[in-house]
Amino acid sequence: MLDDQRYRAVQAKDGRFDGLFYTAVRTTGIFCRPSCPALTPRRENVTFFSTPAAAVGAGFRACRRCRPDRTPGSPEWNVRGDLVARAMRLIGDGVVEREGVPGLARRLGYSERQLHRSLTAEVGAGPLAIARSNRAQLARTLIETTDLPLADIAFAAGFGSIRQFNDTIRRVYAVSPRELRRGPRGATNRLTLRLPVRQPFDGGGLLAFLRPRAIAGVEIVGEDTYTRVMTLPHGPAVARLTLAGDHVRAELELTDLADTQAAVQRCRRLLDLDADPLAIDAALAADPILAPLVAARPGVRLPGQVDGFEVAVRAIVGQQVSVAGARTILGRIAARFGADVSLPMAEELGLRRTFPRPEDLAEAPDDEFSMPRSRAAAFLRVAQAMAAGGLTLDPGTDRDEARHRLLAVTGIGPWTADYIVLRALSDPDVLMPTDLVLRRELAARGITTEHTDRWRPWRSYAAVHLWRAATEERND
């Protein structure tokens, strides 16, 4: 996107571009979202940045009026699979806070110098600066929306010290943390946050997909809510997500507040909240065959996940069995191998177990499960590979490499590998040509494999539309 095009979006105060880029005004020293309601600055006084970190690094502070930190994340990092995109996804998940920049570089398979050079060249800031910007955004949200003491917020947001917390907030927002806060506060590990959403958002369609697949004791799906236990780096947590129009209300209870950033990012990935629905819908609707489906269901999202290993087990268990049958088996696996959860919020909602981790299943015998031993052996091989570090399914994983490694596992074929890559790694361009439902839908509409190339890079979203169409036809 050229700077002149960006400026026209700023002139139009076009909210569709919020989160895609940031506008910095040299005469005021602030940066804004494109839709900022303030008077449009003169073109010669404006410069553009792709991330808040780059704007802060150049000496600008966040606008107090339009709150650029409240925009959804850039959809670009979900679409791409290169080094920069993988790094941005891992930084968003809090890897720098947990493992430092050396750990981030090690996960990506590059040197720290190469990683810093690549990020700086493309987004204008290195990994540490991006992580600090993310910490500041999360800290402001916690300051303004929770009852946590400021010292606890500094820790929850990933700051190494109170001094670093105070200095960063002052640099980014030009006020102290105490000035951002009003009213009495108390301590708790329960948080309620607003997760911004790009419109349109077919949240109801996501819940319709998740509802019949909910694992007993791990997940509950209501009319407009999704609640589950998830395993985070410092212990189990509970998330209750409620669809609320222009945002999703996230109620979290964490074992450790240091997992706040990871919890938020995993909830966003689960509901695909950083997608660009207007761009996706426009591309798919350009095909007359898909246009009626897009018109009927604008803003379709990919069903994501909070745990890549869980998706892998779901995919293998779900081979050649009904959704209900797979759900029953998965419930038994969670009851037998998952960890007990004692968080008060979990007890209030009737949630009892985490889904097992790879290391929980790696040594289990393949006759422990109510399913064909060959299928059980397949997900045990995945558990062993992930426990040993030979296979990863985290946000920074190279999607092509992951598919290649999955296909090398005995018992995993193209359908299973594609399903895992689509859901666990949020790949936007997986068609799954071996899926029986999709094959029927493509054949019924006279769509050839060559024709589907028109849908790139959004073939995963096209697949979701076709799945939904097949489900609705069966229900009619």
Protein backbone atom coordinates (compact mmCIF):
# COMPACT_ATOMS: atom_id res chain seq x y z
CA MET A 1 0.00 0.00 0.00
CA LEU A 2 1.47 3.37 -1.04
CA ASP A 3 1.67 6.33 1.34
CA ASP A 4 -0.68 8.38 -0.84
CA GLN A 5 -3.27 5.61 -0.53
CA ARG A 6 -2.77 5.57 3.22
CA TYR A 7 -3.28 9.32 3.38
CA ARG A 8 -6.56 9.03 1.44
CA ALA A 9 -7.71 6.47 4.00
CA VAL A 10 -6.82 8.96 6.76
CA GLN A 11 -8.74 11.73 4.99
CA ALA A 12 -11.77 9.43 4.77
CA LYS A 13 -11.31 8.36 8.43
CA ASP A 14 -11.75 4.81 7.15
CA GLY A 15 -11.91 2.37 10.06
CA ARG A 16 -11.26 -0.57 7.74
CA PHE A 17 -7.57 0.32 7.88
CA ASP A 18 -7.29 0.48 11.68
CA GLY A 19 -4.50 -1.85 12.73
CA LEU A 20 -3.11 -2.09 9.21
CA PHE A 21 -0.96 1.01 9.64
CA TYR A 22 -0.50 3.98 11.98
CA THR A 23 -0.34 7.66 11.17
CA ALA A 24 2.27 9.82 12.95
CA VAL A 25 2.07 13.61 12.92
CA ARG A 26 5.43 15.34 13.15
CA THR A 27 4.03 18.67 14.35
CA THR A 28 2.26 17.15 17.38
CA GLY A 29 4.49 14.17 18.12
CA ILE A 30 1.57 11.73 18.32
CA PHE A 31 0.51 8.68 16.28
CA CYS A 32 -3.08 7.68 15.55
CA ARG A 33 -5.22 5.06 13.90
CA PRO A 34 -6.45 5.99 10.38
CA SER A 35 -9.99 6.62 11.64
CA CYS A 36 -8.95 9.16 14.31
CA PRO A 37 -11.75 11.77 14.58
CA ALA A 38 -9.28 14.64 15.05
CA LEU A 39 -8.68 17.21 12.31
CA THR A 40 -6.82 15.58 9.42
CA PRO A 41 -3.17 16.72 9.43
CA ARG A 42 -1.50 18.15 6.35
CA ARG A 43 0.13 15.56 4.11
CA GLU A 44 3.61 17.02 4.49
CA ASN A 45 3.39 16.62 8.29
CA VAL A 46 2.49 12.94 8.20
CA THR A 47 4.55 9.77 8.17
CA PHE A 48 3.30 6.19 8.36
CA PHE A 49 4.34 3.15 10.40
CA SER A 50 3.29 -0.48 10.20
CA THR A 51 3.47 -1.08 13.97
CA PRO A 52 3.05 0.99 17.15
CA ALA A 53 6.56 -0.09 18.15
CA ALA A 54 8.04 1.62 15.11
CA ALA A 55 6.13 4.83 15.86
CA VAL A 56 7.23 4.83 19.50
CA GLY A 57 10.80 4.07 18.46
CA ALA A 58 10.72 7.15 16.22
CA GLY A 59 9.72 9.31 19.21
CA PHE A 60 5.92 9.50 18.81
CA ARG A 61 3.37 8.85 21.58
CA ALA A 62 -0.07 7.30 21.28
CA CYS A 63 -3.08 9.56 20.67
CA ARG A 64 -5.33 9.80 23.74
CA ARG A 65 -8.40 10.46 21.61
CA CYS A 66 -8.44 7.60 19.09
CA ARG A 67 -6.53 5.03 21.19
CA PRO A 68 -4.51 3.28 18.45
CA ASP A 69 -3.69 0.53 20.95
CA ARG A 70 -7.32 -0.63 20.88
CA THR A 71 -7.32 -1.74 17.26
CA PRO A 72 -7.30 -5.43 16.26
CA GLY A 73 -3.93 -6.79 15.24
CA SER A 74 -2.73 -6.63 11.66
CA PRO A 75 -4.19 -9.45 9.54
CA GLU A 76 -0.99 -9.51 7.51
CA TRP A 77 0.85 -11.61 10.09
CA ASN A 78 -1.85 -14.32 9.93
CA VAL A 79 -1.76 -14.55 6.14
CA ARG A 80 1.98 -14.76 5.62
CA GLY A 81 4.28 -17.64 6.53
CA ASP A 82 7.69 -15.96 6.24
CA LEU A 83 10.18 -15.17 9.00
CA VAL A 84 8.76 -11.75 9.89
CA ALA A 85 5.18 -13.01 10.13
CA ARG A 86 6.18 -16.03 12.21
CA ALA A 87 8.23 -13.79 14.50
CA MET A 88 5.34 -11.36 14.96
CA ARG A 89 2.98 -14.19 15.91
CA LEU A 90 5.42 -15.56 18.48
CA ILE A 91 6.15 -12.11 19.93
CA GLY A 92 2.40 -11.60 20.28
CA ASP A 93 2.17 -14.88 22.19
CA GLY A 94 4.70 -13.61 24.75
CA VAL A 95 7.74 -15.69 23.76
CA VAL A 96 10.13 -12.75 24.28
CA GLU A 97 8.84 -12.32 27.84
CA ARG A 98 9.27 -16.04 28.60
CA GLU A 99 12.41 -16.94 26.64
CA GLY A 100 14.00 -13.64 25.62
CA VAL A 101 15.13 -12.68 22.13
CA PRO A 102 17.61 -15.63 22.05
CA GLY A 103 14.72 -18.03 22.65
CA LEU A 104 12.67 -16.39 19.91
CA ALA A 105 15.53 -16.65 17.44
CA ARG A 106 16.14 -20.27 18.40
CA ARG A 107 12.49 -21.19 17.78
CA LEU A 108 12.60 -19.57 14.35
CA GLY A 109 15.91 -21.13 13.38
CA TYR A 110 17.72 -17.84 12.70
CA SER A 111 20.44 -15.88 14.46
CA GLU A 112 19.45 -12.94 16.67
CA ARG A 113 21.21 -10.61 14.23
CA GLN A 114 19.30 -11.94 11.21
CA LEU A 115 16.02 -11.74 13.10
CA HIS A 116 16.62 -8.16 14.23
CA ARG A 117 17.69 -7.08 10.75
CA SER A 118 14.62 -8.64 9.09
CA LEU A 119 12.13 -7.14 11.56
CA THR A 120 13.72 -3.70 11.51
CA ALA A 121 13.80 -3.61 7.71
CA GLU A 122 10.11 -4.47 7.38
CA VAL A 123 8.28 -3.18 10.46
CA GLY A 124 10.72 -0.53 11.67
CA ALA A 125 11.52 -2.08 15.07
CA GLY A 126 13.43 -5.03 16.49
CA PRO A 127 11.90 -7.89 18.50
CA LEU A 128 12.53 -6.32 21.91
CA ALA A 129 10.97 -2.99 20.89
CA ILE A 130 7.91 -4.77 19.48
CA ALA A 131 7.56 -6.81 22.67
CA ARG A 132 7.81 -3.65 24.81
CA SER A 133 5.13 -1.97 22.70
CA ASN A 134 2.86 -4.99 23.18
CA ARG A 135 3.51 -4.85 26.93
CA ALA A 136 2.54 -1.18 27.04
CA GLN A 137 -0.71 -1.82 25.16
CA LEU A 138 -1.65 -4.71 27.44
CA ALA A 139 -0.68 -2.73 30.53
CA ARG A 140 -2.91 0.19 29.56
CA THR A 141 -5.84 -2.16 29.00
CA LEU A 142 -5.30 -3.73 32.42
CA ILE A 143 -4.87 -0.35 34.11
CA GLU A 144 -8.16 0.95 32.74
CA THR A 145 -10.32 -2.17 32.87
CA THR A 146 -9.24 -4.25 35.89
CA ASP A 147 -8.87 -3.95 39.63
CA LEU A 148 -5.26 -5.14 39.68
CA PRO A 149 -2.70 -3.09 41.64
CA LEU A 150 -0.21 -1.33 39.38
CA ALA A 151 2.66 -3.53 40.55
CA ASP A 152 0.70 -6.64 39.56
CA ILE A 153 -0.11 -5.09 36.18
CA ALA A 154 3.58 -4.47 35.51
CA PHE A 155 4.24 -8.15 36.17
CA ALA A 156 1.19 -9.37 34.20
CA ALA A 157 2.15 -7.31 31.16
CA GLY A 158 5.66 -8.77 31.13
CA PHE A 159 7.77 -5.90 32.45
CA GLY A 160 10.93 -6.86 34.29
CA SER A 161 10.70 -4.06 36.85
CA ILE A 162 8.40 -1.31 38.12
CA ARG A 163 10.86 1.29 36.82
CA GLN A 164 10.77 -0.18 33.30
CA PHE A 165 6.97 -0.27 33.50
CA ASN A 166 6.72 3.39 34.54
CA ASP A 167 9.26 4.57 31.97
CA THR A 168 7.61 2.71 29.10
CA ILE A 169 4.10 3.92 29.92
CA ARG A 170 5.34 7.51 30.15
CA ARG A 171 7.19 7.19 26.84
CA VAL A 172 4.27 5.67 24.93
CA TYR A 173 1.35 7.58 26.51
CA ALA A 174 3.02 10.70 27.96
CA VAL A 175 1.39 10.08 31.37
CA SER A 176 2.24 7.91 34.36
CA PRO A 177 0.44 4.64 35.07
CA ARG A 178 -1.26 6.26 38.07
CA GLU A 179 -2.62 9.03 35.85
CA LEU A 180 -4.22 6.44 33.57
CA ARG A 181 -6.12 4.98 36.50
CA ARG A 182 -9.06 6.29 38.48
CA GLY A 183 -10.84 4.77 41.47
CA PRO A 184 -9.97 2.23 44.19
CA ARG A 185 -8.46 -1.10 43.20
CA GLY A 186 -7.91 -4.53 44.74
CA ALA A 187 -5.99 -7.70 43.89
CA THR A 188 -7.40 -10.63 41.87
CA ASN A 189 -6.35 -13.08 39.20
CA ARG A 190 -9.65 -12.55 37.40
CA LEU A 191 -9.69 -10.11 34.51
CA THR A 192 -12.41 -8.83 32.20
CA LEU A 193 -11.17 -7.39 28.91
CA ARG A 194 -12.61 -6.15 25.62
CA LEU A 195 -11.14 -7.87 22.56
CA PRO A 196 -11.66 -5.60 19.51
CA VAL A 197 -13.16 -7.20 16.40
CA ARG A 198 -13.17 -6.19 12.76
CA GLN A 199 -16.65 -6.16 11.26
CA PRO A 200 -18.45 -8.04 9.86
CA PHE A 201 -17.95 -10.90 12.30
CA ASP A 202 -19.80 -14.19 11.96
CA GLY A 203 -19.27 -15.15 15.58
CA GLY A 204 -22.45 -17.18 15.60
CA GLY A 205 -21.07 -19.36 12.81
CA LEU A 206 -17.89 -19.99 14.81
CA LEU A 207 -19.88 -21.07 17.87
CA ALA A 208 -22.04 -23.31 15.66
CA PHE A 209 -18.84 -25.07 14.55
CA LEU A 210 -17.39 -25.33 18.06
CA ARG A 211 -20.60 -26.36 19.86
CA PRO A 212 -20.96 -29.99 18.67
CA ARG A 213 -17.21 -30.52 19.12
CA ALA A 214 -16.99 -29.27 22.73
CA ILE A 215 -15.11 -31.72 24.97
CA ALA A 216 -16.94 -32.54 28.22
CA GLY A 217 -15.22 -31.08 31.26
CA VAL A 218 -12.92 -28.92 29.10
CA GLU A 219 -15.29 -26.70 27.08
CA ILE A 220 -18.83 -25.31 27.25
CA VAL A 221 -20.50 -23.54 24.31
CA GLY A 222 -23.63 -21.49 24.98
CA GLU A 223 -25.84 -19.44 22.70
CA ASP A 224 -23.38 -16.54 22.53
CA THR A 225 -20.55 -17.70 24.80
CA TYR A 226 -17.58 -20.03 24.60
CA THR A 227 -15.90 -21.13 27.83
CA ARG A 228 -12.94 -23.43 28.27
CA VAL A 229 -9.92 -24.45 30.30
CA MET A 230 -6.58 -23.92 28.62
CA THR A 231 -3.02 -24.74 29.58
CA LEU A 232 -0.70 -21.72 29.59
CA PRO A 233 3.06 -21.53 30.26
CA HIS A 234 2.60 -20.96 34.01
CA GLY A 235 -0.44 -23.16 34.65
CA PRO A 236 -4.10 -23.68 33.75
CA ALA A 237 -6.50 -20.83 33.04
CA VAL A 238 -10.18 -20.38 32.29
CA ALA A 239 -11.52 -18.15 29.52
CA ARG A 240 -15.16 -17.22 29.02
CA LEU A 241 -15.69 -15.38 25.71
CA THR A 242 -18.97 -13.59 25.02
CA LEU A 243 -19.96 -12.16 21.64
CA ALA A 244 -20.82 -8.49 22.17
CA GLY A 245 -21.30 -6.82 18.79
CA ASP A 246 -18.18 -4.78 18.03
CA HIS A 247 -16.05 -6.71 20.52
CA VAL A 248 -15.71 -9.96 22.40
CA ARG A 249 -15.92 -9.79 26.18
CA ALA A 250 -13.18 -11.95 27.66
CA GLU A 251 -13.41 -13.04 31.29
CA LEU A 252 -10.17 -14.72 32.34
CA GLU A 253 -8.95 -16.43 35.48
CA LEU A 254 -5.24 -17.22 35.46
CA THR A 255 -3.04 -19.30 37.69
CA ASP A 256 -0.31 -16.70 37.11
CA LEU A 257 -0.80 -13.15 35.85
CA ALA A 258 2.37 -13.51 33.77
CA ASP A 259 0.22 -15.50 31.33
CA THR A 260 -2.10 -12.58 30.55
CA GLN A 261 -0.63 -11.78 27.13
CA ALA A 262 -0.55 -15.45 26.10
CA ALA A 263 -4.17 -15.91 27.19
CA VAL A 264 -5.36 -12.89 25.22
CA GLN A 265 -3.51 -13.88 22.06
CA ARG A 266 -4.80 -17.46 22.19
CA CYS A 267 -8.36 -16.26 22.59
CA ARG A 268 -7.87 -13.98 19.58
CA ARG A 269 -6.48 -16.86 17.51
CA LEU A 270 -9.31 -19.16 18.56
CA LEU A 271 -11.89 -16.71 17.13
CA ASP A 272 -9.69 -15.41 14.28
CA LEU A 273 -10.19 -11.84 15.52
CA ASP A 274 -7.29 -10.34 13.56
CA ALA A 275 -8.65 -11.39 10.16
CA ASP A 276 -9.55 -8.76 7.54
CA PRO A 277 -13.13 -9.83 6.67
CA LEU A 278 -13.73 -7.12 4.08
CA ALA A 279 -10.69 -8.13 2.04
CA ILE A 280 -11.52 -11.83 2.35
CA ASP A 281 -15.20 -11.39 1.46
CA ALA A 282 -14.39 -9.14 -1.49
CA ALA A 283 -11.93 -11.66 -2.93
CA LEU A 284 -14.27 -14.64 -2.56
CA ALA A 285 -17.39 -12.76 -3.69
CA ALA A 286 -15.63 -11.94 -6.97
CA ASP A 287 -16.35 -15.56 -7.91
CA PRO A 288 -20.05 -15.81 -8.92
CA ILE A 289 -20.19 -19.34 -7.49
CA LEU A 290 -19.17 -18.21 -3.98
CA ALA A 291 -20.85 -14.80 -4.06
CA PRO A 292 -24.24 -16.04 -2.71
CA LEU A 293 -22.51 -17.86 0.17
CA VAL A 294 -20.50 -14.76 1.10
CA ALA A 295 -23.61 -12.57 0.93
CA ALA A 296 -25.47 -14.98 3.23
CA ARG A 297 -22.60 -15.25 5.74
CA PRO A 298 -20.37 -12.14 5.68
CA GLY A 299 -17.41 -12.11 8.01
CA VAL A 300 -16.83 -15.86 8.22
CA ARG A 301 -13.85 -16.73 10.42
CA LEU A 302 -11.58 -19.75 10.65
CA PRO A 303 -12.15 -21.91 13.74
CA GLY A 304 -8.82 -21.60 15.52
CA GLN A 305 -7.42 -23.11 18.71
CA VAL A 306 -5.67 -22.43 21.99
CA ASP A 307 -3.49 -25.56 21.76
CA GLY A 308 -2.00 -26.98 18.57
CA PHE A 309 -1.53 -30.45 20.05
CA GLU A 310 -5.21 -30.63 20.95
CA VAL A 311 -6.12 -29.94 17.32
CA ALA A 312 -3.78 -32.72 16.16
CA VAL A 313 -5.44 -35.22 18.50
CA ARG A 314 -8.91 -34.03 17.42
CA ALA A 315 -8.00 -34.50 13.76
CA ILE A 316 -6.65 -38.02 14.24
CA VAL A 317 -9.48 -39.15 16.51
CA GLY A 318 -11.98 -37.69 14.03
CA GLN A 319 -10.78 -39.83 11.14
CA GLN A 320 -13.73 -41.80 9.73
CA VAL A 321 -15.99 -41.28 12.78
CA SER A 322 -18.88 -38.92 13.43
CA VAL A 323 -18.39 -35.61 15.24
CA ALA A 324 -20.38 -36.97 18.18
CA GLY A 325 -18.29 -40.14 18.30
CA ALA A 326 -15.03 -38.19 18.23
CA ARG A 327 -16.30 -35.90 20.98
CA THR A 328 -17.03 -38.90 23.23
CA ILE A 329 -13.53 -40.34 22.73
CA LEU A 330 -11.88 -36.95 23.32
CA GLY A 331 -13.85 -36.53 26.55
CA ARG A 332 -12.51 -39.88 27.78
CA ILE A 333 -8.95 -38.90 26.85
CA ALA A 334 -9.27 -35.62 28.77
CA ALA A 335 -10.80 -37.37 31.80
CA ARG A 336 -8.08 -40.03 31.85
CA PHE A 337 -4.96 -37.99 31.04
CA GLY A 338 -5.81 -34.31 31.62
CA ALA A 339 -4.86 -32.43 34.77
CA ASP A 340 -7.33 -31.41 37.47
CA VAL A 341 -8.27 -27.72 37.50
CA SER A 342 -9.00 -26.07 40.86
CA LEU A 343 -9.58 -22.48 39.75
CA PRO A 344 -12.79 -21.08 41.30
CA MET A 345 -14.15 -19.95 37.93
CA ALA A 346 -13.74 -23.47 36.54
CA GLU A 347 -15.56 -24.96 39.51
CA GLU A 348 -18.41 -22.45 39.18
CA LEU A 349 -18.89 -23.40 35.52
CA GLY A 350 -18.46 -27.15 35.87
CA LEU A 351 -15.11 -27.36 34.06
CA ARG A 352 -12.86 -30.00 35.57
CA ARG A 353 -9.87 -30.86 33.38
CA THR A 354 -7.26 -29.49 31.05
CA PHE A 355 -6.70 -31.24 27.74
CA PRO A 356 -3.58 -33.44 28.04
CA ARG A 357 -0.20 -32.07 27.02
CA PRO A 358 2.07 -34.02 24.66
CA GLU A 359 4.16 -35.25 27.60
CA ASP A 360 0.99 -36.53 29.31
CA LEU A 361 0.27 -38.88 26.41
CA ALA A 362 3.76 -39.66 25.10
CA GLU A 363 4.23 -42.77 27.24
CA ALA A 364 0.64 -44.04 27.20
CA PRO A 365 0.05 -47.52 25.67
CA ASP A 366 -2.00 -47.51 22.48
CA ASP A 367 -4.59 -49.91 23.97
CA GLU A 368 -5.70 -47.32 26.54
CA PHE A 369 -8.17 -45.71 24.14
CA SER A 370 -11.62 -46.72 22.88
CA MET A 371 -10.61 -46.56 19.23
CA PRO A 372 -8.59 -48.51 16.67
CA ARG A 373 -5.04 -49.00 17.93
CA SER A 374 -3.57 -47.73 14.66
CA ARG A 375 -5.30 -44.40 15.14
CA ALA A 376 -4.28 -44.18 18.80
CA ALA A 377 -0.71 -44.99 17.80
CA ALA A 378 -0.77 -42.07 15.33
CA PHE A 379 -1.57 -39.40 17.90
CA LEU A 380 0.83 -41.00 20.37
CA ARG A 381 3.58 -40.60 17.75
CA VAL A 382 2.62 -36.93 17.43
CA ALA A 383 2.71 -36.59 21.24
CA GLN A 384 6.17 -38.16 21.35
CA ALA A 385 7.47 -35.94 18.55
CA MET A 386 6.12 -32.79 20.19
CA ALA A 387 7.35 -33.76 23.66
CA ALA A 388 10.83 -34.34 22.20
CA GLY A 389 10.78 -31.05 20.25
CA GLY A 390 10.86 -32.67 16.82
CA LEU A 391 7.46 -31.24 15.89
CA THR A 392 5.97 -27.89 16.85
CA LEU A 393 2.48 -26.52 16.26
CA ASP A 394 2.86 -23.02 17.72
CA PRO A 395 2.25 -19.64 16.02
CA GLY A 396 5.83 -19.42 14.79
CA THR A 397 5.89 -22.80 13.07
CA ASP A 398 6.62 -22.88 9.35
CA ARG A 399 3.35 -24.19 7.89
CA ASP A 400 4.85 -26.05 4.94
CA GLU A 401 7.45 -27.71 7.12
CA ALA A 402 4.82 -28.70 9.69
CA ARG A 403 2.68 -30.33 6.99
CA HIS A 404 5.71 -32.21 5.68
CA ARG A 405 6.57 -33.50 9.16
CA LEU A 406 2.98 -34.47 9.89
CA LEU A 407 2.76 -36.48 6.68
CA ALA A 408 5.89 -38.36 7.75
CA VAL A 409 4.00 -39.70 10.80
CA THR A 410 2.50 -43.14 10.18
CA GLY A 411 -1.28 -42.85 10.32
CA ILE A 412 -1.48 -39.22 9.14
CA GLY A 413 -2.59 -38.61 5.57
CA PRO A 414 -3.28 -35.45 3.57
CA TRP A 415 -6.73 -34.77 5.09
CA THR A 416 -5.44 -34.95 8.66
CA ALA A 417 -2.34 -32.88 7.92
CA ASP A 418 -4.37 -30.22 6.10
CA TYR A 419 -6.94 -30.01 8.90
CA ILE A 420 -4.19 -29.56 11.51
CA VAL A 421 -2.43 -26.87 9.48
CA LEU A 422 -5.72 -25.03 8.88
CA ARG A 423 -6.84 -24.99 12.52
CA ALA A 424 -3.63 -25.28 14.56
CA LEU A 425 -1.54 -22.90 12.44
CA SER A 426 -4.40 -20.70 11.12
CA ASP A 427 -3.27 -21.15 7.51
CA PRO A 428 -5.69 -19.06 5.40
CA ASP A 429 -5.01 -20.97 2.16
CA VAL A 430 -5.80 -24.65 2.77
CA LEU A 431 -8.43 -26.18 0.48
CA MET A 432 -8.44 -29.83 1.77
CA PRO A 433 -9.27 -31.49 -1.58
CA THR A 434 -9.56 -34.92 0.07
CA ASP A 435 -12.34 -33.82 2.44
CA LEU A 436 -15.49 -35.75 1.47
CA VAL A 437 -17.90 -32.91 2.22
CA LEU A 438 -15.84 -30.41 0.24
CA ARG A 439 -15.48 -32.82 -2.66
CA ARG A 440 -19.24 -33.22 -2.83
CA GLU A 441 -19.81 -29.48 -2.63
CA LEU A 442 -17.22 -28.75 -5.32
CA ALA A 443 -18.66 -31.42 -7.60
CA ALA A 444 -22.25 -30.23 -7.08
CA ARG A 445 -21.22 -26.72 -8.13
CA GLY A 446 -19.06 -27.86 -11.03
CA ILE A 447 -15.89 -26.42 -9.45
CA THR A 448 -12.57 -27.85 -10.62
CA THR A 449 -9.31 -27.79 -8.68
CA GLU A 450 -7.96 -25.25 -11.17
CA HIS A 451 -10.97 -23.02 -10.50
CA THR A 452 -10.17 -22.89 -6.78
CA ASP A 453 -6.87 -21.17 -7.54
CA ARG A 454 -8.95 -17.99 -7.95
CA TRP A 455 -9.62 -18.07 -4.22
CA ARG A 456 -5.97 -17.81 -3.17
CA PRO A 457 -4.83 -16.83 -0.57
CA TRP A 458 -8.20 -17.35 1.12
CA ARG A 459 -9.06 -20.97 0.24
CA SER A 460 -9.47 -21.92 3.93
CA TYR A 461 -12.28 -19.37 4.22
CA ALA A 462 -13.84 -20.72 1.02
CA ALA A 463 -13.74 -24.19 2.61
CA VAL A 464 -15.55 -22.87 5.69
CA HIS A 465 -18.26 -21.36 3.47
CA LEU A 466 -18.72 -24.68 1.66
CA TRP A 467 -18.81 -26.64 4.93
CA ARG A 468 -21.45 -24.27 6.26
CA ALA A 469 -23.48 -24.59 3.05
CA ALA A 470 -23.40 -28.40 3.32
CA THR A 471 -24.50 -28.28 6.97
CA GLU A 472 -27.38 -25.93 6.21
CA GLU A 473 -28.51 -28.11 3.30
CA ARG A 474 -28.63 -31.15 5.60
CA ASN A 475 -30.62 -29.23 8.19
CA ASP A 476 -33.21 -27.95 5.71
